[in-house]
PDB file of N, CA and C in Angstrom:
ATOM      1  N   GLY A   1       1.527  -5.483 -13.709  1.00  0.00           N
ATOM      2  CA  GLY A   1       2.167  -6.759 -13.471  1.00  0.00           C
ATOM      3  C   GLY A   1       3.671  -6.645 -13.308  1.00  0.00           C
ATOM      4  N   ALA A   2       4.187  -5.449 -13.060  1.00  0.00           N
ATOM      5  CA  ALA A   2       5.635  -5.259 -12.927  1.00  0.00           C
ATOM      6  C   ALA A   2       6.180  -5.943 -11.680  1.00  0.00           C
ATOM      7  N   ASP A   3       7.435  -6.387 -11.739  1.00  0.00           N
ATOM      8  CA  ASP A   3       8.106  -6.969 -10.581  1.00  0.00           C
ATOM      9  C   ASP A   3       8.916  -5.873  -9.899  1.00  0.00           C
ATOM     10  N   LEU A   4       8.359  -5.350  -8.808  1.00  0.00           N
ATOM     11  CA  LEU A   4       9.021  -4.311  -8.023  1.00  0.00           C
ATOM     12  C   LEU A   4       9.284  -4.816  -6.611  1.00  0.00           C
ATOM     13  N   SER A   5       9.405  -6.124  -6.464  1.00  0.00           N
ATOM     14  CA  SER A   5       9.637  -6.697  -5.139  1.00  0.00           C
ATOM     15  C   SER A   5      10.946  -6.157  -4.574  1.00  0.00           C
ATOM     16  N   GLY A   6      10.878  -5.718  -3.316  1.00  0.00           N
ATOM     17  CA  GLY A   6      12.047  -5.194  -2.636  1.00  0.00           C
ATOM     18  C   GLY A   6      12.489  -3.810  -3.075  1.00  0.00           C
ATOM     19  N   ALA A   7      11.740  -3.168  -3.941  1.00  0.00           N
ATOM     20  CA  ALA A   7      12.122  -1.841  -4.448  1.00  0.00           C
ATOM     21  C   ALA A   7      12.087  -0.794  -3.336  1.00  0.00           C
ATOM     22  N   TYR A   8      12.996   0.158  -3.404  1.00  0.00           N
ATOM     23  CA  TYR A   8      13.050   1.265  -2.453  1.00  0.00           C
ATOM     24  C   TYR A   8      12.408   2.471  -3.130  1.00  0.00           C
ATOM     25  N   LEU A   9      11.166   2.770  -2.713  1.00  0.00           N
ATOM     26  CA  LEU A   9      10.390   3.831  -3.348  1.00  0.00           C
ATOM     27  C   LEU A   9       9.892   4.848  -2.327  1.00  0.00           C
ATOM     28  N   GLU A  10      10.679   5.106  -1.301  1.00  0.00           N
ATOM     29  CA  GLU A  10      10.291   6.048  -0.255  1.00  0.00           C
ATOM     30  C   GLU A  10       9.989   7.415  -0.848  1.00  0.00           C
ATOM     31  N   GLU A  11       8.823   7.957  -0.486  1.00  0.00           N
ATOM     32  CA  GLU A  11       8.361   9.287  -0.876  1.00  0.00           C
ATOM     33  C   GLU A  11       8.288   9.492  -2.392  1.00  0.00           C
ATOM     34  N   THR A  12       8.221   8.420  -3.147  1.00  0.00           N
ATOM     35  CA  THR A  12       8.097   8.499  -4.602  1.00  0.00           C
ATOM     36  C   THR A  12       6.668   8.880  -4.981  1.00  0.00           C
ATOM     37  N   ASP A  13       6.519   9.704  -5.991  1.00  0.00           N
ATOM     38  CA  ASP A  13       5.195  10.090  -6.466  1.00  0.00           C
ATOM     39  C   ASP A  13       4.716   9.060  -7.489  1.00  0.00           C
ATOM     40  N   LEU A  14       3.812   8.207  -7.041  1.00  0.00           N
ATOM     41  CA  LEU A  14       3.218   7.185  -7.899  1.00  0.00           C
ATOM     42  C   LEU A  14       1.720   7.438  -8.073  1.00  0.00           C
ATOM     43  N   SER A  15       1.315   8.699  -7.936  1.00  0.00           N
ATOM     44  CA  SER A  15      -0.106   9.027  -8.060  1.00  0.00           C
ATOM     45  C   SER A  15      -0.601   8.650  -9.453  1.00  0.00           C
ATOM     46  N   GLU A  16      -1.801   8.054  -9.485  1.00  0.00           N
ATOM     47  CA  GLU A  16      -2.466   7.621 -10.708  1.00  0.00           C
ATOM     48  C   GLU A  16      -1.728   6.495 -11.446  1.00  0.00           C
ATOM     49  N   ALA A  17      -0.690   5.907 -10.848  1.00  0.00           N
ATOM     50  CA  ALA A  17       0.058   4.832 -11.507  1.00  0.00           C
ATOM     51  C   ALA A  17      -0.784   3.564 -11.597  1.00  0.00           C
ATOM     52  N   ASP A  18      -0.618   2.824 -12.677  1.00  0.00           N
ATOM     53  CA  ASP A  18      -1.281   1.530 -12.827  1.00  0.00           C
ATOM     54  C   ASP A  18      -0.318   0.462 -12.323  1.00  0.00           C
ATOM     55  N   LEU A  19      -0.518   0.059 -11.078  1.00  0.00           N
ATOM     56  CA  LEU A  19       0.296  -0.979 -10.457  1.00  0.00           C
ATOM     57  C   LEU A  19      -0.536  -2.234 -10.226  1.00  0.00           C
ATOM     58  N   SER A  20      -1.598  -2.367 -10.984  1.00  0.00           N
ATOM     59  CA  SER A  20      -2.471  -3.533 -10.824  1.00  0.00           C
ATOM     60  C   SER A  20      -1.678  -4.797 -11.135  1.00  0.00           C
ATOM     61  N   GLY A  21      -1.790  -5.757 -10.230  1.00  0.00           N
ATOM     62  CA  GLY A  21      -1.104  -7.030 -10.403  1.00  0.00           C
ATOM     63  C   GLY A  21       0.393  -6.984 -10.182  1.00  0.00           C
ATOM     64  N   ALA A  22       0.928  -5.845  -9.810  1.00  0.00           N
ATOM     65  CA  ALA A  22       2.377  -5.719  -9.606  1.00  0.00           C
ATOM     66  C   ALA A  22       2.827  -6.484  -8.362  1.00  0.00           C
ATOM     67  N   ASP A  23       4.055  -6.983  -8.402  1.00  0.00           N
ATOM     68  CA  ASP A  23       4.654  -7.615  -7.238  1.00  0.00           C
ATOM     69  C   ASP A  23       5.470  -6.560  -6.505  1.00  0.00           C
ATOM     70  N   LEU A  24       4.908  -6.067  -5.399  1.00  0.00           N
ATOM     71  CA  LEU A  24       5.563  -5.068  -4.561  1.00  0.00           C
ATOM     72  C   LEU A  24       5.906  -5.677  -3.202  1.00  0.00           C
ATOM     73  N   SER A  25       6.034  -6.999  -3.152  1.00  0.00           N
ATOM     74  CA  SER A  25       6.338  -7.651  -1.885  1.00  0.00           C
ATOM     75  C   SER A  25       7.685  -7.158  -1.357  1.00  0.00           C
ATOM     76  N   GLY A  26       7.678  -6.793  -0.075  1.00  0.00           N
ATOM     77  CA  GLY A  26       8.894  -6.312   0.564  1.00  0.00           C
ATOM     78  C   GLY A  26       9.348  -4.934   0.120  1.00  0.00           C
ATOM     79  N   ALA A  27       8.561  -4.248  -0.692  1.00  0.00           N
ATOM     80  CA  ALA A  27       8.944  -2.908  -1.166  1.00  0.00           C
ATOM     81  C   ALA A  27       8.830  -1.887  -0.036  1.00  0.00           C
ATOM     82  N   TYR A  28       9.666  -0.866  -0.090  1.00  0.00           N
ATOM     83  CA  TYR A  28       9.659   0.210   0.901  1.00  0.00           C
ATOM     84  C   TYR A  28       8.997   1.420   0.259  1.00  0.00           C
ATOM     85  N   LEU A  29       7.730   1.645   0.632  1.00  0.00           N
ATOM     86  CA  LEU A  29       6.925   2.721   0.052  1.00  0.00           C
ATOM     87  C   LEU A  29       6.521   3.746   1.112  1.00  0.00           C
ATOM     88  N   SER A  30       7.279   3.838   2.168  1.00  0.00           N
ATOM     89  CA  SER A  30       6.971   4.769   3.250  1.00  0.00           C
ATOM     90  C   SER A  30       6.920   6.194   2.709  1.00  0.00           C
ATOM     91  N   GLY A  31       5.808   6.874   2.969  1.00  0.00           N
ATOM     92  CA  GLY A  31       5.648   8.255   2.531  1.00  0.00           C
ATOM     93  C   GLY A  31       5.384   8.419   1.041  1.00  0.00           C
ATOM     94  N   ALA A  32       5.222   7.321   0.315  1.00  0.00           N
ATOM     95  CA  ALA A  32       4.970   7.405  -1.127  1.00  0.00           C
ATOM     96  C   ALA A  32       3.598   8.027  -1.388  1.00  0.00           C
ATOM     97  N   ILE A  33       3.471   8.687  -2.515  1.00  0.00           N
ATOM     98  CA  ILE A  33       2.197   9.272  -2.921  1.00  0.00           C
ATOM     99  C   ILE A  33       1.541   8.286  -3.876  1.00  0.00           C
ATOM    100  N   LEU A  34       0.528   7.591  -3.369  1.00  0.00           N
ATOM    101  CA  LEU A  34      -0.191   6.582  -4.138  1.00  0.00           C
ATOM    102  C   LEU A  34      -1.633   7.012  -4.395  1.00  0.00           C
ATOM    103  N   SER A  35      -1.896   8.307  -4.322  1.00  0.00           N
ATOM    104  CA  SER A  35      -3.259   8.797  -4.518  1.00  0.00           C
ATOM    105  C   SER A  35      -3.735   8.463  -5.928  1.00  0.00           C
ATOM    106  N   GLY A  36      -4.896   7.819  -5.994  1.00  0.00           N
ATOM    107  CA  GLY A  36      -5.475   7.448  -7.273  1.00  0.00           C
ATOM    108  C   GLY A  36      -4.785   6.281  -7.965  1.00  0.00           C
ATOM    109  N   ALA A  37      -3.779   5.685  -7.327  1.00  0.00           N
ATOM    110  CA  ALA A  37      -3.059   4.565  -7.947  1.00  0.00           C
ATOM    111  C   ALA A  37      -3.930   3.308  -7.950  1.00  0.00           C
ATOM    112  N   ASP A  38      -3.776   2.503  -8.973  1.00  0.00           N
ATOM    113  CA  ASP A  38      -4.494   1.235  -9.059  1.00  0.00           C
ATOM    114  C   ASP A  38      -3.563   0.127  -8.567  1.00  0.00           C
ATOM    115  N   LEU A  39      -3.833  -0.343  -7.345  1.00  0.00           N
ATOM    116  CA  LEU A  39      -3.057  -1.423  -6.736  1.00  0.00           C
ATOM    117  C   LEU A  39      -3.892  -2.699  -6.655  1.00  0.00           C
ATOM    118  N   SER A  40      -4.969  -2.754  -7.418  1.00  0.00           N
ATOM    119  CA  SER A  40      -5.837  -3.927  -7.345  1.00  0.00           C
ATOM    120  C   SER A  40      -5.075  -5.159  -7.824  1.00  0.00           C
ATOM    121  N   GLY A  41      -5.170  -6.201  -7.017  1.00  0.00           N
ATOM    122  CA  GLY A  41      -4.488  -7.448  -7.327  1.00  0.00           C
ATOM    123  C   GLY A  41      -2.985  -7.420  -7.095  1.00  0.00           C
ATOM    124  N   ALA A  42      -2.472  -6.321  -6.579  1.00  0.00           N
ATOM    125  CA  ALA A  42      -1.028  -6.215  -6.329  1.00  0.00           C
ATOM    126  C   ALA A  42      -0.624  -7.061  -5.119  1.00  0.00           C
ATOM    127  N   ILE A  43       0.588  -7.554  -5.151  1.00  0.00           N
ATOM    128  CA  ILE A  43       1.144  -8.298  -4.027  1.00  0.00           C
ATOM    129  C   ILE A  43       1.959  -7.305  -3.203  1.00  0.00           C
ATOM    130  N   LEU A  44       1.427  -6.977  -2.026  1.00  0.00           N
ATOM    131  CA  LEU A  44       2.069  -6.003  -1.139  1.00  0.00           C
ATOM    132  C   LEU A  44       2.591  -6.666   0.137  1.00  0.00           C
ATOM    133  N   SER A  45       2.595  -7.977   0.172  1.00  0.00           N
ATOM    134  CA  SER A  45       3.003  -8.706   1.370  1.00  0.00           C
ATOM    135  C   SER A  45       4.395  -8.277   1.831  1.00  0.00           C
ATOM    136  N   GLY A  46       4.473  -7.908   3.113  1.00  0.00           N
ATOM    137  CA  GLY A  46       5.747  -7.503   3.699  1.00  0.00           C
ATOM    138  C   GLY A  46       6.231  -6.124   3.304  1.00  0.00           C
ATOM    139  N   ALA A  47       5.437  -5.388   2.544  1.00  0.00           N
ATOM    140  CA  ALA A  47       5.826  -4.035   2.133  1.00  0.00           C
ATOM    141  C   ALA A  47       5.600  -3.040   3.267  1.00  0.00           C
ATOM    142  N   ASN A  48       6.269  -1.912   3.200  1.00  0.00           N
ATOM    143  CA  ASN A  48       6.108  -0.850   4.185  1.00  0.00           C
ATOM    144  C   ASN A  48       5.442   0.343   3.509  1.00  0.00           C
ATOM    145  N   LEU A  49       4.175   0.597   3.884  1.00  0.00           N
ATOM    146  CA  LEU A  49       3.429   1.730   3.348  1.00  0.00           C
ATOM    147  C   LEU A  49       3.091   2.731   4.446  1.00  0.00           C
ATOM    148  N   ARG A  50       3.888   2.752   5.514  1.00  0.00           N
ATOM    149  CA  ARG A  50       3.625   3.704   6.597  1.00  0.00           C
ATOM    150  C   ARG A  50       3.747   5.127   6.062  1.00  0.00           C
ATOM    151  N   GLY A  51       2.730   5.916   6.339  1.00  0.00           N
ATOM    152  CA  GLY A  51       2.737   7.314   5.922  1.00  0.00           C
ATOM    153  C   GLY A  51       2.449   7.539   4.450  1.00  0.00           C
ATOM    154  N   ALA A  52       2.132   6.486   3.713  1.00  0.00           N
ATOM    155  CA  ALA A  52       1.832   6.647   2.287  1.00  0.00           C
ATOM    156  C   ALA A  52       0.484   7.344   2.107  1.00  0.00           C
ATOM    157  N   ASN A  53       0.370   8.149   1.064  1.00  0.00           N
ATOM    158  CA  ASN A  53      -0.886   8.807   0.722  1.00  0.00           C
ATOM    159  C   ASN A  53      -1.701   7.828  -0.118  1.00  0.00           C
ATOM    160  N   LEU A  54      -2.781   7.316   0.465  1.00  0.00           N
ATOM    161  CA  LEU A  54      -3.620   6.314  -0.195  1.00  0.00           C
ATOM    162  C   LEU A  54      -4.962   6.881  -0.654  1.00  0.00           C
ATOM    163  N   ARG A  55      -5.084   8.188  -0.696  1.00  0.00           N
ATOM    164  CA  ARG A  55      -6.352   8.819  -1.078  1.00  0.00           C
ATOM    165  C   ARG A  55      -6.761   8.372  -2.489  1.00  0.00           C
ATOM    166  N   GLY A  56      -7.904   7.694  -2.571  1.00  0.00           N
ATOM    167  CA  GLY A  56      -8.433   7.252  -3.857  1.00  0.00           C
ATOM    168  C   GLY A  56      -7.715   6.052  -4.461  1.00  0.00           C
ATOM    169  N   ALA A  57      -6.773   5.461  -3.734  1.00  0.00           N
ATOM    170  CA  ALA A  57      -6.066   4.287  -4.254  1.00  0.00           C
ATOM    171  C   ALA A  57      -7.000   3.080  -4.277  1.00  0.00           C
ATOM    172  N   LYS A  58      -6.849   2.246  -5.279  1.00  0.00           N
ATOM    173  CA  LYS A  58      -7.654   1.032  -5.402  1.00  0.00           C
ATOM    174  C   LYS A  58      -6.834  -0.136  -4.867  1.00  0.00           C
ATOM    175  N   LEU A  59      -7.351  -0.790  -3.815  1.00  0.00           N
ATOM    176  CA  LEU A  59      -6.638  -1.898  -3.185  1.00  0.00           C
ATOM    177  C   LEU A  59      -7.411  -3.214  -3.269  1.00  0.00           C
ATOM    178  N   GLU A  60      -8.433  -3.282  -4.127  1.00  0.00           N
ATOM    179  CA  GLU A  60      -9.250  -4.483  -4.224  1.00  0.00           C
ATOM    180  C   GLU A  60      -8.391  -5.684  -4.608  1.00  0.00           C
ATOM    181  N   ASN A  61      -8.611  -6.790  -3.887  1.00  0.00           N
ATOM    182  CA  ASN A  61      -7.930  -8.059  -4.149  1.00  0.00           C
ATOM    183  C   ASN A  61      -6.416  -7.986  -4.033  1.00  0.00           C
ATOM    184  N   SER A  62      -5.893  -6.945  -3.387  1.00  0.00           N
ATOM    185  CA  SER A  62      -4.448  -6.891  -3.164  1.00  0.00           C
ATOM    186  C   SER A  62      -4.103  -7.776  -1.975  1.00  0.00           C
ATOM    187  N   LYS A  63      -2.888  -8.280  -1.967  1.00  0.00           N
ATOM    188  CA  LYS A  63      -2.433  -9.156  -0.894  1.00  0.00           C
ATOM    189  C   LYS A  63      -1.577  -8.332   0.062  1.00  0.00           C
ATOM    190  N   VAL A  64      -2.070  -8.201   1.307  1.00  0.00           N
ATOM    191  CA  VAL A  64      -1.432  -7.291   2.265  1.00  0.00           C
ATOM    192  C   VAL A  64      -0.969  -8.001   3.546  1.00  0.00           C
ATOM    193  N   ILE A  65      -0.711  -9.293   3.478  1.00  0.00           N
ATOM    194  CA  ILE A  65      -0.249 -10.009   4.668  1.00  0.00           C
ATOM    195  C   ILE A  65       1.088  -9.425   5.118  1.00  0.00           C
ATOM    196  N   ASN A  66       1.129  -9.020   6.392  1.00  0.00           N
ATOM    197  CA  ASN A  66       2.321  -8.416   7.010  1.00  0.00           C
ATOM    198  C   ASN A  66       2.749  -7.099   6.359  1.00  0.00           C
ATOM    199  N   THR A  67       1.843  -6.447   5.648  1.00  0.00           N
ATOM    200  CA  THR A  67       2.128  -5.130   5.090  1.00  0.00           C
ATOM    201  C   THR A  67       1.925  -4.095   6.185  1.00  0.00           C
ATOM    202  N   LYS A  68       2.839  -3.147   6.303  1.00  0.00           N
ATOM    203  CA  LYS A  68       2.773  -2.132   7.356  1.00  0.00           C
ATOM    204  C   LYS A  68       2.120  -0.862   6.824  1.00  0.00           C
ATOM    205  N   PHE A  69       1.094  -0.403   7.555  1.00  0.00           N
ATOM    206  CA  PHE A  69       0.359   0.816   7.225  1.00  0.00           C
ATOM    207  C   PHE A  69       0.321   1.716   8.448  1.00  0.00           C
ATOM    208  N   SER A  70      -0.087   2.966   8.260  1.00  0.00           N
ATOM    209  CA  SER A  70      -0.345   3.911   9.345  1.00  0.00           C
ATOM    210  C   SER A  70      -1.810   4.307   9.315  1.00  0.00           C
ATOM    211  N   SER A  71      -2.429   4.353  10.494  1.00  0.00           N
ATOM    212  CA  SER A  71      -3.839   4.774  10.581  1.00  0.00           C
ATOM    213  C   SER A  71      -4.029   6.209  10.141  1.00  0.00           C
ATOM    214  N   ASN A  72      -3.016   7.046  10.335  1.00  0.00           N
ATOM    215  CA  ASN A  72      -3.139   8.467  10.043  1.00  0.00           C
ATOM    216  C   ASN A  72      -2.692   8.834   8.628  1.00  0.00           C
ATOM    217  N   SER A  73      -2.460   7.846   7.772  1.00  0.00           N
ATOM    218  CA  SER A  73      -2.090   8.133   6.387  1.00  0.00           C
ATOM    219  C   SER A  73      -3.249   8.805   5.668  1.00  0.00           C
ATOM    220  N   GLN A  74      -2.941   9.707   4.753  1.00  0.00           N
ATOM    221  CA  GLN A  74      -3.983  10.349   3.969  1.00  0.00           C
ATOM    222  C   GLN A  74      -4.752   9.289   3.201  1.00  0.00           C
ATOM    223  N   GLY A  75      -6.072   9.359   3.261  1.00  0.00           N
ATOM    224  CA  GLY A  75      -6.921   8.418   2.563  1.00  0.00           C
ATOM    225  C   GLY A  75      -7.281   7.194   3.388  1.00  0.00           C
ATOM    226  N   MET A  76      -6.668   7.039   4.556  1.00  0.00           N
ATOM    227  CA  MET A  76      -6.981   5.891   5.413  1.00  0.00           C
ATOM    228  C   MET A  76      -8.194   6.237   6.257  1.00  0.00           C
ATOM    229  N   ASN A  77      -9.242   5.446   6.137  1.00  0.00           N
ATOM    230  CA  ASN A  77     -10.405   5.634   6.995  1.00  0.00           C
ATOM    231  C   ASN A  77     -10.597   4.354   7.802  1.00  0.00           C
ATOM    232  N   GLU A  78     -11.510   4.386   8.742  1.00  0.00           N
ATOM    233  CA  GLU A  78     -11.703   3.254   9.643  1.00  0.00           C
ATOM    234  C   GLU A  78     -12.142   2.000   8.885  1.00  0.00           C
ATOM    235  N   GLN A  79     -12.993   2.150   7.883  1.00  0.00           N
ATOM    236  CA  GLN A  79     -13.451   0.984   7.116  1.00  0.00           C
ATOM    237  C   GLN A  79     -12.289   0.330   6.369  1.00  0.00           C
ATOM    238  N   LEU A  80     -11.469   1.136   5.714  1.00  0.00           N
ATOM    239  CA  LEU A  80     -10.315   0.596   5.000  1.00  0.00           C
ATOM    240  C   LEU A  80      -9.357  -0.077   5.976  1.00  0.00           C
ATOM    241  N   LYS A  81      -9.121   0.569   7.121  1.00  0.00           N
ATOM    242  CA  LYS A  81      -8.232  -0.009   8.124  1.00  0.00           C
ATOM    243  C   LYS A  81      -8.736  -1.381   8.568  1.00  0.00           C
ATOM    244  N   GLN A  82     -10.015  -1.486   8.872  1.00  0.00           N
ATOM    245  CA  GLN A  82     -10.576  -2.757   9.317  1.00  0.00           C
ATOM    246  C   GLN A  82     -10.489  -3.823   8.214  1.00  0.00           C
ATOM    247  N   ASP A  83     -10.739  -3.434   6.971  1.00  0.00           N
ATOM    248  CA  ASP A  83     -10.618  -4.371   5.853  1.00  0.00           C
ATOM    249  C   ASP A  83      -9.187  -4.893   5.735  1.00  0.00           C
ATOM    250  N   LEU A  84      -8.227  -4.000   5.885  1.00  0.00           N
ATOM    251  CA  LEU A  84      -6.819  -4.395   5.781  1.00  0.00           C
ATOM    252  C   LEU A  84      -6.395  -5.282   6.954  1.00  0.00           C
ATOM    253  N   ILE A  85      -6.882  -4.960   8.146  1.00  0.00           N
ATOM    254  CA  ILE A  85      -6.568  -5.783   9.324  1.00  0.00           C
ATOM    255  C   ILE A  85      -7.110  -7.199   9.133  1.00  0.00           C
ATOM    256  N   GLN A  86      -8.306  -7.317   8.576  1.00  0.00           N
ATOM    257  CA  GLN A  86      -8.880  -8.640   8.324  1.00  0.00           C
ATOM    258  C   GLN A  86      -8.021  -9.450   7.359  1.00  0.00           C
ATOM    259  N   GLN A  87      -7.285  -8.763   6.510  1.00  0.00           N
ATOM    260  CA  GLN A  87      -6.408  -9.427   5.548  1.00  0.00           C
ATOM    261  C   GLN A  87      -4.995  -9.594   6.108  1.00  0.00           C
ATOM    262  N   ARG A  88      -4.838  -9.327   7.407  1.00  0.00           N
ATOM    263  CA  ARG A  88      -3.584  -9.515   8.147  1.00  0.00           C
ATOM    264  C   ARG A  88      -2.525  -8.447   7.889  1.00  0.00           C
ATOM    265  N   ALA A  89      -2.988  -7.237   7.581  1.00  0.00           N
ATOM    266  CA  ALA A  89      -2.074  -6.104   7.509  1.00  0.00           C
ATOM    267  C   ALA A  89      -1.704  -5.680   8.921  1.00  0.00           C
ATOM    268  N   ILE A  90      -0.634  -4.944   9.053  1.00  0.00           N
ATOM    269  CA  ILE A  90      -0.131  -4.496  10.353  1.00  0.00           C
ATOM    270  C   ILE A  90      -0.195  -2.968  10.401  1.00  0.00           C
ATOM    271  N   PHE A  91      -0.684  -2.446  11.520  1.00  0.00           N
ATOM    272  CA  PHE A  91      -0.708  -1.000  11.719  1.00  0.00           C
ATOM    273  C   PHE A  91       0.281  -0.660  12.822  1.00  0.00           C
ATOM    274  N   GLU A  92       1.307   0.118  12.485  1.00  0.00           N
ATOM    275  CA  GLU A  92       2.340   0.511  13.428  1.00  0.00           C
ATOM    276  C   GLU A  92       2.356   2.032  13.532  1.00  0.00           C
ATOM    277  N   ASP A  93       1.479   2.540  14.349  1.00  0.00           N
ATOM    278  CA  ASP A  93       1.404   3.994  14.515  1.00  0.00           C
ATOM    279  C   ASP A  93       2.305   4.432  15.653  1.00  0.00           C
ATOM    280  N   SER A  94       2.933   5.563  15.425  1.00  0.00           N
ATOM    281  CA  SER A  94       3.802   6.100  16.481  1.00  0.00           C
ATOM    282  C   SER A  94       3.069   7.116  17.302  1.00  0.00           C
TER     283      SER A  94
END
């Protein structure tokens, strides 16, 4: 439930972190290591997770409106991508 809105966490190692319910709206998490992190119920609206390692991350009930992701991020599969798109996430692949 931490308030990390707008935080600059580029390439930060947050593997296995409990970020459930955290407010990460507008946070910059590009290239962050979120493998095994619990992001369930987190507010990620407007955050940048391009290139983040999402292998094993829990994203259930997270809010991802206008959140930026990359299709080629570690842990990103087609099912997860489609689920995130349905929730209005943005994929900006280069």
